[in-house]
Amino acid sequence: MKHLTIRNVPDELASALEREKNRRGESLNQTVIELLEQGLGVGTSRSNGLGRLGGTWSEDDYQRFEEATAVFERIDPELWR
């Protein structure tokens, strides 16, 4: 395992890390490792969280959405004079 030293940590970041450490009830080292893993997507697949929504609309949902948003496709000639 590698050792890592981080210098010149801004006070605001150090405070945020301390708060997160206390919230988790873990050591600062473990908290930083987990935050780095999470931020870099190590050990898991990175996701923006939208994948769980993909393919969840039924044909009826899609049709209702299309009908509700059709007005946005219309051009109002009065606005373009």
N, C-alpha and C. Protein backbone atom coordinates (compact mmCIF):
# COMPACT_ATOMS: atom_id res chain seq x y z
N MET A 1 0.83 -1.18 0.00
CA MET A 1 0.00 0.00 0.00
C MET A 1 0.87 1.24 0.00
N LYS A 2 0.39 2.23 -0.69
CA LYS A 2 1.09 3.51 -0.77
C LYS A 2 0.70 4.39 0.41
N HIS A 3 1.61 5.27 0.77
CA HIS A 3 1.32 6.31 1.76
C HIS A 3 1.25 7.62 1.00
N LEU A 4 0.40 8.49 1.44
CA LEU A 4 0.18 9.75 0.76
C LEU A 4 0.16 10.87 1.78
N THR A 5 0.90 11.92 1.51
CA THR A 5 0.88 13.10 2.36
C THR A 5 0.33 14.24 1.54
N ILE A 6 -0.65 14.93 2.09
CA ILE A 6 -1.23 16.07 1.40
C ILE A 6 -0.88 17.32 2.19
N ARG A 7 -0.27 18.27 1.51
CA ARG A 7 0.14 19.51 2.16
C ARG A 7 -0.78 20.66 1.76
N ASN A 8 -0.74 21.70 2.57
CA ASN A 8 -1.45 22.95 2.27
C ASN A 8 -2.95 22.75 2.07
N VAL A 9 -3.55 21.94 2.91
CA VAL A 9 -4.99 21.73 2.85
C VAL A 9 -5.67 23.00 3.35
N PRO A 10 -6.53 23.60 2.52
CA PRO A 10 -7.21 24.82 2.95
C PRO A 10 -8.05 24.58 4.20
N ASP A 11 -8.14 25.59 5.06
CA ASP A 11 -8.88 25.46 6.32
C ASP A 11 -10.31 25.01 6.10
N GLU A 12 -10.97 25.55 5.09
CA GLU A 12 -12.37 25.19 4.83
C GLU A 12 -12.49 23.71 4.49
N LEU A 13 -11.56 23.19 3.70
CA LEU A 13 -11.57 21.77 3.35
C LEU A 13 -11.26 20.91 4.56
N ALA A 14 -10.29 21.32 5.35
CA ALA A 14 -9.94 20.57 6.57
C ALA A 14 -11.13 20.50 7.52
N SER A 15 -11.86 21.59 7.64
CA SER A 15 -13.05 21.61 8.50
C SER A 15 -14.13 20.69 7.97
N ALA A 16 -14.33 20.72 6.66
CA ALA A 16 -15.34 19.85 6.05
C ALA A 16 -14.98 18.38 6.23
N LEU A 17 -13.71 18.05 6.09
CA LEU A 17 -13.27 16.67 6.30
C LEU A 17 -13.47 16.25 7.76
N GLU A 18 -13.18 17.15 8.67
CA GLU A 18 -13.37 16.86 10.09
C GLU A 18 -14.85 16.61 10.40
N ARG A 19 -15.72 17.43 9.84
CA ARG A 19 -17.15 17.23 10.05
C ARG A 19 -17.61 15.89 9.47
N GLU A 20 -17.12 15.57 8.29
CA GLU A 20 -17.50 14.30 7.65
C GLU A 20 -16.97 13.11 8.45
N LYS A 21 -15.76 13.23 8.95
CA LYS A 21 -15.17 12.19 9.79
C LYS A 21 -16.05 11.94 11.01
N ASN A 22 -16.48 13.02 11.65
CA ASN A 22 -17.32 12.89 12.84
C ASN A 22 -18.69 12.32 12.49
N ARG A 23 -19.23 12.73 11.36
CA ARG A 23 -20.53 12.22 10.94
C ARG A 23 -20.48 10.71 10.70
N ARG A 24 -19.39 10.26 10.10
CA ARG A 24 -19.24 8.84 9.79
C ARG A 24 -18.79 8.02 10.99
N GLY A 25 -18.18 8.69 11.96
CA GLY A 25 -17.65 7.96 13.11
C GLY A 25 -16.44 7.11 12.75
N GLU A 26 -15.66 7.59 11.79
CA GLU A 26 -14.48 6.87 11.31
C GLU A 26 -13.24 7.75 11.51
N SER A 27 -12.10 7.16 11.25
CA SER A 27 -10.87 7.94 11.31
C SER A 27 -10.81 8.88 10.11
N LEU A 28 -10.01 9.92 10.23
CA LEU A 28 -9.82 10.84 9.13
C LEU A 28 -9.25 10.10 7.92
N ASN A 29 -8.31 9.22 8.16
CA ASN A 29 -7.70 8.45 7.08
C ASN A 29 -8.75 7.64 6.32
N GLN A 30 -9.60 6.92 7.04
CA GLN A 30 -10.61 6.09 6.41
C GLN A 30 -11.63 6.95 5.66
N THR A 31 -11.99 8.07 6.25
CA THR A 31 -12.93 8.98 5.61
C THR A 31 -12.38 9.49 4.29
N VAL A 32 -11.13 9.93 4.28
CA VAL A 32 -10.51 10.45 3.07
C VAL A 32 -10.40 9.36 2.01
N ILE A 33 -10.02 8.16 2.40
CA ILE A 33 -9.93 7.05 1.44
C ILE A 33 -11.29 6.78 0.80
N GLU A 34 -12.33 6.71 1.62
CA GLU A 34 -13.67 6.43 1.09
C GLU A 34 -14.17 7.56 0.19
N LEU A 35 -13.89 8.81 0.55
CA LEU A 35 -14.30 9.93 -0.29
C LEU A 35 -13.55 9.93 -1.63
N LEU A 36 -12.27 9.59 -1.59
CA LEU A 36 -11.50 9.50 -2.83
C LEU A 36 -12.02 8.36 -3.71
N GLU A 37 -12.29 7.21 -3.10
CA GLU A 37 -12.84 6.08 -3.87
C GLU A 37 -14.16 6.46 -4.52
N GLN A 38 -15.01 7.10 -3.73
CA GLN A 38 -16.32 7.50 -4.23
C GLN A 38 -16.19 8.52 -5.37
N GLY A 39 -15.36 9.52 -5.16
CA GLY A 39 -15.20 10.57 -6.16
C GLY A 39 -14.56 10.10 -7.44
N LEU A 40 -13.68 9.11 -7.34
CA LEU A 40 -12.98 8.60 -8.53
C LEU A 40 -13.64 7.36 -9.11
N GLY A 41 -14.68 6.87 -8.46
CA GLY A 41 -15.38 5.69 -8.96
C GLY A 41 -14.59 4.41 -8.82
N VAL A 42 -13.71 4.35 -7.84
CA VAL A 42 -12.89 3.15 -7.62
C VAL A 42 -13.69 2.14 -6.81
N GLY A 43 -13.72 0.91 -7.29
CA GLY A 43 -14.43 -0.14 -6.57
C GLY A 43 -15.90 -0.23 -6.90
N THR A 44 -16.40 0.75 -7.64
CA THR A 44 -17.80 0.75 -8.07
C THR A 44 -17.85 1.32 -9.48
N SER A 45 -18.97 1.19 -10.09
CA SER A 45 -19.13 1.85 -11.38
C SER A 45 -19.65 3.25 -11.13
N ARG A 46 -19.10 4.20 -11.86
CA ARG A 46 -19.53 5.59 -11.70
C ARG A 46 -20.87 5.77 -12.37
N SER A 47 -21.72 6.54 -11.74
CA SER A 47 -23.05 6.76 -12.28
C SER A 47 -23.55 8.13 -11.86
N ASN A 48 -24.28 8.75 -12.75
CA ASN A 48 -24.90 10.02 -12.40
C ASN A 48 -26.27 9.79 -11.76
N GLY A 49 -26.65 8.53 -11.57
CA GLY A 49 -27.89 8.21 -10.91
C GLY A 49 -29.10 8.14 -11.84
N LEU A 50 -28.89 8.48 -13.10
CA LEU A 50 -30.02 8.50 -14.02
C LEU A 50 -30.28 7.14 -14.67
N GLY A 51 -29.33 6.23 -14.58
CA GLY A 51 -29.49 4.92 -15.20
C GLY A 51 -30.70 4.16 -14.68
N ARG A 52 -31.01 4.36 -13.42
CA ARG A 52 -32.15 3.65 -12.85
C ARG A 52 -33.46 4.12 -13.45
N LEU A 53 -33.46 5.28 -14.10
CA LEU A 53 -34.67 5.80 -14.71
C LEU A 53 -34.83 5.35 -16.16
N GLY A 54 -33.74 4.93 -16.79
CA GLY A 54 -33.77 4.55 -18.19
C GLY A 54 -34.70 3.39 -18.46
N GLY A 55 -35.54 3.56 -19.47
CA GLY A 55 -36.43 2.49 -19.87
C GLY A 55 -37.60 2.25 -18.94
N THR A 56 -37.92 3.21 -18.09
CA THR A 56 -38.98 2.98 -17.12
C THR A 56 -40.32 3.52 -17.58
N TRP A 57 -40.36 4.25 -18.68
CA TRP A 57 -41.62 4.78 -19.17
C TRP A 57 -42.36 3.72 -19.96
N SER A 58 -43.64 3.66 -19.75
CA SER A 58 -44.48 2.80 -20.59
C SER A 58 -44.82 3.59 -21.85
N GLU A 59 -45.40 2.92 -22.82
CA GLU A 59 -45.82 3.61 -24.04
C GLU A 59 -46.85 4.69 -23.70
N ASP A 60 -47.73 4.41 -22.73
CA ASP A 60 -48.72 5.39 -22.30
C ASP A 60 -48.05 6.61 -21.67
N ASP A 61 -47.02 6.39 -20.83
CA ASP A 61 -46.27 7.50 -20.23
C ASP A 61 -45.65 8.37 -21.32
N TYR A 62 -45.05 7.70 -22.30
CA TYR A 62 -44.40 8.42 -23.39
C TYR A 62 -45.40 9.27 -24.17
N GLN A 63 -46.55 8.68 -24.50
CA GLN A 63 -47.57 9.41 -25.25
C GLN A 63 -48.08 10.63 -24.48
N ARG A 64 -48.31 10.44 -23.18
CA ARG A 64 -48.78 11.55 -22.35
C ARG A 64 -47.73 12.66 -22.29
N PHE A 65 -46.47 12.29 -22.20
CA PHE A 65 -45.39 13.28 -22.19
C PHE A 65 -45.36 14.04 -23.52
N GLU A 66 -45.42 13.32 -24.62
CA GLU A 66 -45.41 13.95 -25.94
C GLU A 66 -46.58 14.92 -26.09
N GLU A 67 -47.75 14.52 -25.64
CA GLU A 67 -48.92 15.40 -25.74
C GLU A 67 -48.74 16.65 -24.86
N ALA A 68 -48.21 16.46 -23.66
CA ALA A 68 -48.05 17.58 -22.74
C ALA A 68 -46.99 18.57 -23.19
N THR A 69 -46.01 18.11 -23.96
CA THR A 69 -44.92 19.00 -24.38
C THR A 69 -45.03 19.43 -25.84
N ALA A 70 -46.08 19.01 -26.53
CA ALA A 70 -46.25 19.37 -27.95
C ALA A 70 -46.31 20.88 -28.14
N VAL A 71 -46.84 21.59 -27.18
CA VAL A 71 -46.95 23.04 -27.29
C VAL A 71 -45.58 23.71 -27.46
N PHE A 72 -44.53 23.09 -26.97
CA PHE A 72 -43.20 23.67 -27.09
C PHE A 72 -42.64 23.56 -28.52
N GLU A 73 -43.27 22.75 -29.33
CA GLU A 73 -42.83 22.58 -30.72
C GLU A 73 -43.51 23.58 -31.65
N ARG A 74 -44.55 24.25 -31.19
CA ARG A 74 -45.28 25.20 -32.03
C ARG A 74 -44.57 26.55 -32.06
N ILE A 75 -44.58 27.13 -33.22
CA ILE A 75 -43.98 28.46 -33.40
C ILE A 75 -45.10 29.48 -33.40
N ASP A 76 -44.96 30.51 -32.60
CA ASP A 76 -45.93 31.59 -32.54
C ASP A 76 -45.47 32.70 -33.48
N PRO A 77 -46.14 32.87 -34.62
CA PRO A 77 -45.69 33.87 -35.59
C PRO A 77 -45.66 35.28 -35.01
N GLU A 78 -46.49 35.57 -34.04
CA GLU A 78 -46.50 36.91 -33.44
C GLU A 78 -45.19 37.23 -32.74
N LEU A 79 -44.54 36.22 -32.21
CA LEU A 79 -43.27 36.45 -31.51
C LEU A 79 -42.11 36.72 -32.47
N TRP A 80 -42.30 36.39 -33.74
CA TRP A 80 -41.22 36.52 -34.72
C TRP A 80 -41.41 37.69 -35.67
N ARG A 81 -42.28 38.62 -35.33
CA ARG A 81 -42.48 39.80 -36.19
C ARG A 81 -41.55 40.90 -35.83
